[in-house]
Amino acid sequence: MSHYFVYDPNKERRNYLVSGIIDGVRYELVTDEGIFSYKHFDYGTITLIEALELDAEVKNVLDLGCGYGVIGLALKSKYAFIELTQTDINLRAVELTRENAKRMSLESTVFVSDGYQKISGKFDLITLNPPIKAGKETIFNLYLETFSHLTEKGSFYLVIKKKHGALSHLKYLKTIYKKVMIVKRNKGYYVIKAEKQ
C-alpha cells in the first residue's frame, strides 16, 4: 500500500493548485496526487499555523515533514526574519516545496531527509504534523530526536487529532520535555507545545 510519505518514481506527475485562507491570508500552492492533503489545506495544519506566534528571538525554524510546504512557507511569509529549513522523506514533496517557495518569492533551505538523518544544527522552533500512518514508534522516535535538535530555549509544536491518540502523545512528550502543554483545541485537533527548558 502506498503512503504519502513514500516516493514513487513511477507515478505520473500532475500539478494541482490548492488555495485557501490561513490566519487571514490567502495562499495558493502547487501540490500533486500522493502528497498529504493535496486537494485542500489540511485542517490540522491550518490549526497549527494559527496557533503559532513567533517573537524576534526565533531565528531558525525547521518544518519537519513539510509536505508541499504549507506550514513553513506560511510562517516565512508572516515572519520574514526567520531562517527556514524544510525537509521531507518524499522527494516529490521536496520538489513541490521548492516550487512553492519560488512562487511565493520566499527563501527556504529544502532537502530530502528521513526524519533527522540529514539534518544538522539546532533550531529555535520545530513544527510537525506527524505522519500518523508511519506508526507510533516512528513518531515517538521523531519526538525524541527533536529534543536534541532544539536550542536551549527551543520549542516544538505539533498537531494531532484526539482520535489519533493525542493524549498518549502528550503523556510521552512529558517524559522528554520539561514543559508540555496544549495550546489550542479545534474540532478534535490538539496543538501541543513542548519546551526544552
Foldseek 3Di string as FASTA:
>chain_A
DAALQDADPPDDWDWDWEWDDALRDIDIFIATPSFPPRHYPDPQLSVQLNLDDDDPVFAEEEEEQQQLNPNQVVVCVVPVRHAAEYEGQYPRSQVRVVVRCVVVVHDYHYDYDDQCRPPDAAGQEYEDADPLVVDDVSVLVSLQVNLVRHDQFHKYKYKDFVVSPPPVSQVSNVVQAVDKDFRDDDPRMTIMMGTRD
